[in-house]
Amino acid sequence: MNFQPGSSITRQGEHASHLFLIEEGLVKVSSATAEGHVSLLAIRTTGDVVGELAAIDGAPRSATVTAVGTVRARAIHRDEFVRLFREQPEVALGLVTAVAGKLRAANRAREDTGGYPLNVRLARTLVELAESYGEPTEHGITIAVPLSQEDLAALNSASMAGLTRSLRHLRERGLIGTSYRRLTVLDLDGLSDLAALPHSDDR
């Protein structure tokens, strides 16, 4: 199945019995509160699975998955992956491992929000994005995901004002360069050092 930029692959609250394997492209995973506040939860790309929880337990979908650019994804219905689980246990292990990884990342994000300053949380996010989606250039590593500042703020549970200050701080330290929806990591080692331990001048 092909999805056009901005189209929903899954919708929060819908009842469904299938998951999607992303065969090509990038998607954003987001959720909305009853008051209408939307939070960006994660970025997923080729080889990732989305929508697996609702397909497994039958509960309404907990998040909306939106195509970033053109996305090709394969719908796998519950009957099919139950059969795969029985016939190929390694498939079940792979899915369980993927779910565990997402839960660990979510727990780490909650811990970071409560225990680390925004500069450190943002550095960790940018290191992960650079390592997962970075494209080497002559100036550094360009993060090949069209994220807005609102997206980055949501990923780091930050206000726009706080995010703007943190981006300026990282630019002034020569760690990153920014332009419209384009961010380049200029010093990955330096950014990794900041991500590993909050320094006193970052508080």
Protein backbone atom coordinates (compact mmCIF):
# COMPACT_ATOMS: atom_id res chain seq x y z
CA MET A 1 0.00 0.00 0.00
CA ASN A 2 1.20 3.50 -0.82
CA PHE A 3 0.50 6.52 1.39
CA GLN A 4 0.89 10.11 0.26
CA PRO A 5 2.68 12.75 2.39
CA GLY A 6 0.55 13.79 5.34
CA SER A 7 -1.90 10.91 5.08
CA SER A 8 -2.79 8.80 8.12
CA ILE A 9 -1.69 5.18 8.16
CA THR A 10 -3.38 4.53 11.50
CA ARG A 11 -5.64 6.80 13.55
CA GLN A 12 -5.74 7.08 17.30
CA GLY A 13 -8.90 5.56 18.75
CA GLU A 14 -9.82 3.42 15.76
CA HIS A 15 -10.47 -0.30 16.14
CA ALA A 16 -8.34 -2.43 13.84
CA SER A 17 -6.91 -5.93 13.67
CA HIS A 18 -3.84 -5.34 11.56
CA LEU A 19 -0.39 -3.81 11.83
CA PHE A 20 1.84 -2.24 9.20
CA LEU A 21 5.37 -3.09 8.14
CA ILE A 22 7.03 0.02 6.68
CA GLU A 23 8.72 -1.09 3.48
CA GLU A 24 9.93 2.33 2.43
CA GLY A 25 9.72 5.84 3.87
CA LEU A 26 9.36 7.67 7.17
CA VAL A 27 6.38 8.10 9.49
CA LYS A 28 5.60 10.16 12.58
CA VAL A 29 3.85 8.58 15.56
CA SER A 30 1.74 11.02 17.59
CA SER A 31 -1.05 11.05 20.16
CA ALA A 32 -3.61 13.63 21.21
CA THR A 33 -5.16 14.34 24.60
CA ALA A 34 -8.86 14.92 25.16
CA GLU A 35 -8.07 18.65 25.21
CA GLY A 36 -6.57 18.41 21.73
CA HIS A 37 -2.88 18.70 22.61
CA VAL A 38 -0.83 16.63 20.15
CA SER A 39 2.48 15.05 21.17
CA LEU A 40 5.02 13.59 18.77
CA LEU A 41 6.03 10.24 20.26
CA ALA A 42 8.48 8.78 17.76
CA ILE A 43 9.84 8.53 14.24
CA ARG A 44 9.73 5.18 12.44
CA THR A 45 11.30 4.16 9.15
CA THR A 46 11.95 1.29 6.73
CA GLY A 47 11.80 -2.08 8.46
CA ASP A 48 9.87 -0.82 11.48
CA VAL A 49 6.44 -2.09 12.52
CA VAL A 50 3.62 0.23 13.64
CA GLY A 51 0.17 -0.50 15.00
CA GLU A 52 1.16 -3.79 16.57
CA LEU A 53 -0.40 -3.24 20.01
CA ALA A 54 -3.96 -2.80 18.73
CA ALA A 55 -3.50 -5.77 16.41
CA ILE A 56 -2.36 -7.94 19.32
CA ASP A 57 -4.80 -7.00 22.09
CA GLY A 58 -7.76 -5.65 20.11
CA ALA A 59 -7.90 -2.37 22.04
CA PRO A 60 -8.35 0.94 20.18
CA ARG A 61 -5.20 2.33 18.60
CA SER A 62 -3.22 4.47 21.04
CA ALA A 63 -1.55 6.69 18.44
CA THR A 64 -1.83 8.14 14.96
CA VAL A 65 0.81 7.25 12.38
CA THR A 66 1.30 9.84 9.62
CA ALA A 67 3.34 9.52 6.43
CA VAL A 68 6.33 11.86 6.07
CA GLY A 69 6.82 11.95 2.33
CA THR A 70 5.61 9.00 0.27
CA VAL A 71 5.44 5.77 2.29
CA ARG A 72 5.03 2.19 1.16
CA ALA A 73 3.74 -0.15 3.85
CA ARG A 74 2.41 -3.67 4.02
CA ALA A 75 -0.70 -4.38 6.07
CA ILE A 76 -0.44 -7.61 8.05
CA HIS A 77 -3.74 -8.82 9.50
CA ARG A 78 -3.97 -10.52 12.86
CA ASP A 79 -4.73 -13.97 11.42
CA GLU A 80 -1.61 -13.75 9.28
CA PHE A 81 0.80 -12.83 12.02
CA VAL A 82 -0.73 -15.35 14.44
CA ARG A 83 0.00 -17.98 11.80
CA LEU A 84 3.54 -16.61 11.41
CA PHE A 85 4.02 -16.78 15.18
CA ARG A 86 3.10 -20.45 15.17
CA GLU A 87 5.09 -21.41 12.10
CA GLN A 88 8.08 -19.12 12.58
CA PRO A 89 8.82 -18.45 16.27
CA GLU A 90 11.65 -16.10 15.28
CA VAL A 91 9.00 -13.71 13.92
CA ALA A 92 7.30 -13.63 17.31
CA LEU A 93 10.65 -13.07 19.03
CA GLY A 94 11.45 -10.24 16.63
CA LEU A 95 8.15 -8.49 17.31
CA VAL A 96 8.46 -8.91 21.07
CA THR A 97 12.00 -7.52 20.90
CA ALA A 98 10.78 -4.52 18.89
CA VAL A 99 7.97 -3.81 21.37
CA ALA A 100 10.41 -4.11 24.28
CA GLY A 101 12.73 -1.64 22.58
CA LYS A 102 9.91 0.88 22.16
CA LEU A 103 8.89 0.51 25.82
CA ARG A 104 12.48 1.01 26.97
CA ALA A 105 12.77 4.12 24.81
CA ALA A 106 9.50 5.48 26.23
CA ASN A 107 10.66 4.83 29.80
CA ARG A 108 14.02 6.47 29.07
CA ALA A 109 12.25 9.52 27.64
CA ARG A 110 10.12 9.87 30.78
CA GLU A 111 13.20 9.55 32.99
CA ASP A 112 15.07 12.12 30.91
CA THR A 113 12.18 14.58 31.13
CA GLY A 114 12.20 14.42 34.91
CA GLY A 115 15.92 14.12 35.54
CA TYR A 116 17.86 16.06 32.90
CA PRO A 117 17.91 19.65 31.62
CA LEU A 118 16.55 20.36 28.16
CA ASN A 119 19.99 20.86 26.59
CA VAL A 120 20.93 17.29 27.52
CA ARG A 121 17.57 15.83 26.44
CA LEU A 122 17.80 17.62 23.09
CA ALA A 123 21.39 16.44 22.60
CA ARG A 124 20.31 12.84 23.23
CA THR A 125 17.46 13.17 20.74
CA LEU A 126 19.75 14.64 18.07
CA VAL A 127 22.41 11.97 18.59
CA GLU A 128 19.78 9.24 18.17
CA LEU A 129 18.35 10.91 15.05
CA ALA A 130 21.82 11.40 13.55
CA GLU A 131 22.76 7.77 14.18
CA SER A 132 19.46 6.42 12.83
CA TYR A 133 18.68 8.82 9.98
CA GLY A 134 21.85 10.82 9.42
CA GLU A 135 23.41 11.42 6.00
CA PRO A 136 27.14 12.30 6.01
CA THR A 137 28.01 15.56 4.26
CA GLU A 138 31.16 17.63 3.94
CA HIS A 139 30.02 19.72 6.92
CA GLY A 140 28.83 16.97 9.25
CA ILE A 141 25.83 14.68 9.52
CA THR A 142 22.53 15.99 8.18
CA ILE A 143 19.45 14.53 9.85
CA ALA A 144 17.38 13.35 6.91
CA VAL A 145 14.01 13.75 8.61
CA PRO A 146 11.98 16.90 7.87
CA LEU A 147 11.26 17.83 11.50
CA SER A 148 9.90 21.24 12.43
CA GLN A 149 10.86 23.00 15.66
CA GLU A 150 7.39 22.09 16.93
CA ASP A 151 8.23 18.42 16.30
CA LEU A 152 11.52 18.70 18.18
CA ALA A 153 9.80 20.45 21.06
CA ALA A 154 7.20 17.68 21.24
CA LEU A 155 9.85 14.94 21.13
CA ASN A 156 11.58 16.56 24.12
CA SER A 157 8.52 17.64 26.12
CA ALA A 158 9.68 21.23 25.82
CA SER A 159 8.11 24.61 25.20
CA MET A 160 8.94 26.40 21.97
CA ALA A 161 10.78 29.09 23.94
CA GLY A 162 12.86 26.47 25.73
CA LEU A 163 13.65 24.63 22.52
CA THR A 164 14.71 27.86 20.80
CA ARG A 165 17.12 28.63 23.66
CA SER A 166 18.57 25.11 23.60
CA LEU A 167 19.07 25.11 19.82
CA ARG A 168 20.82 28.47 20.09
CA HIS A 169 23.02 27.08 22.87
CA LEU A 170 24.03 24.07 20.75
CA ARG A 171 24.72 26.30 17.74
CA GLU A 172 26.89 28.64 19.81
CA ARG A 173 28.92 25.65 21.01
CA GLY A 174 29.48 24.65 17.38
CA LEU A 175 27.68 21.33 17.82
CA ILE A 176 24.89 21.84 15.27
CA GLY A 177 23.85 23.97 12.34
CA THR A 178 20.22 24.71 11.48
CA SER A 179 18.17 25.96 8.55
CA TYR A 180 14.51 25.58 7.58
CA ARG A 181 13.48 22.00 8.54
CA ARG A 182 17.10 20.97 8.18
CA LEU A 183 19.52 20.24 10.99
CA THR A 184 23.16 19.23 10.67
CA VAL A 185 25.24 17.76 13.48
CA LEU A 186 28.64 19.42 13.14
CA ASP A 187 30.35 17.71 16.07
CA LEU A 188 28.84 14.31 16.88
CA ASP A 189 31.47 13.52 19.53
CA GLY A 190 30.84 16.80 21.31
CA LEU A 191 27.09 16.33 21.12
CA SER A 192 27.48 12.78 22.46
CA ASP A 193 29.54 14.09 25.38
CA LEU A 194 26.79 16.54 26.26
CA ALA A 195 24.16 13.82 25.90
CA ALA A 196 26.04 11.48 28.24
CA LEU A 197 26.27 13.77 31.26
CA PRO A 198 24.68 17.12 32.13
CA HIS A 199 27.35 19.76 32.70
CA SER A 200 26.95 22.47 35.27
CA ASP A 201 26.65 25.23 32.65
CA ASP A 202 23.66 23.44 31.07
CA ARG A 203 21.43 23.72 34.15
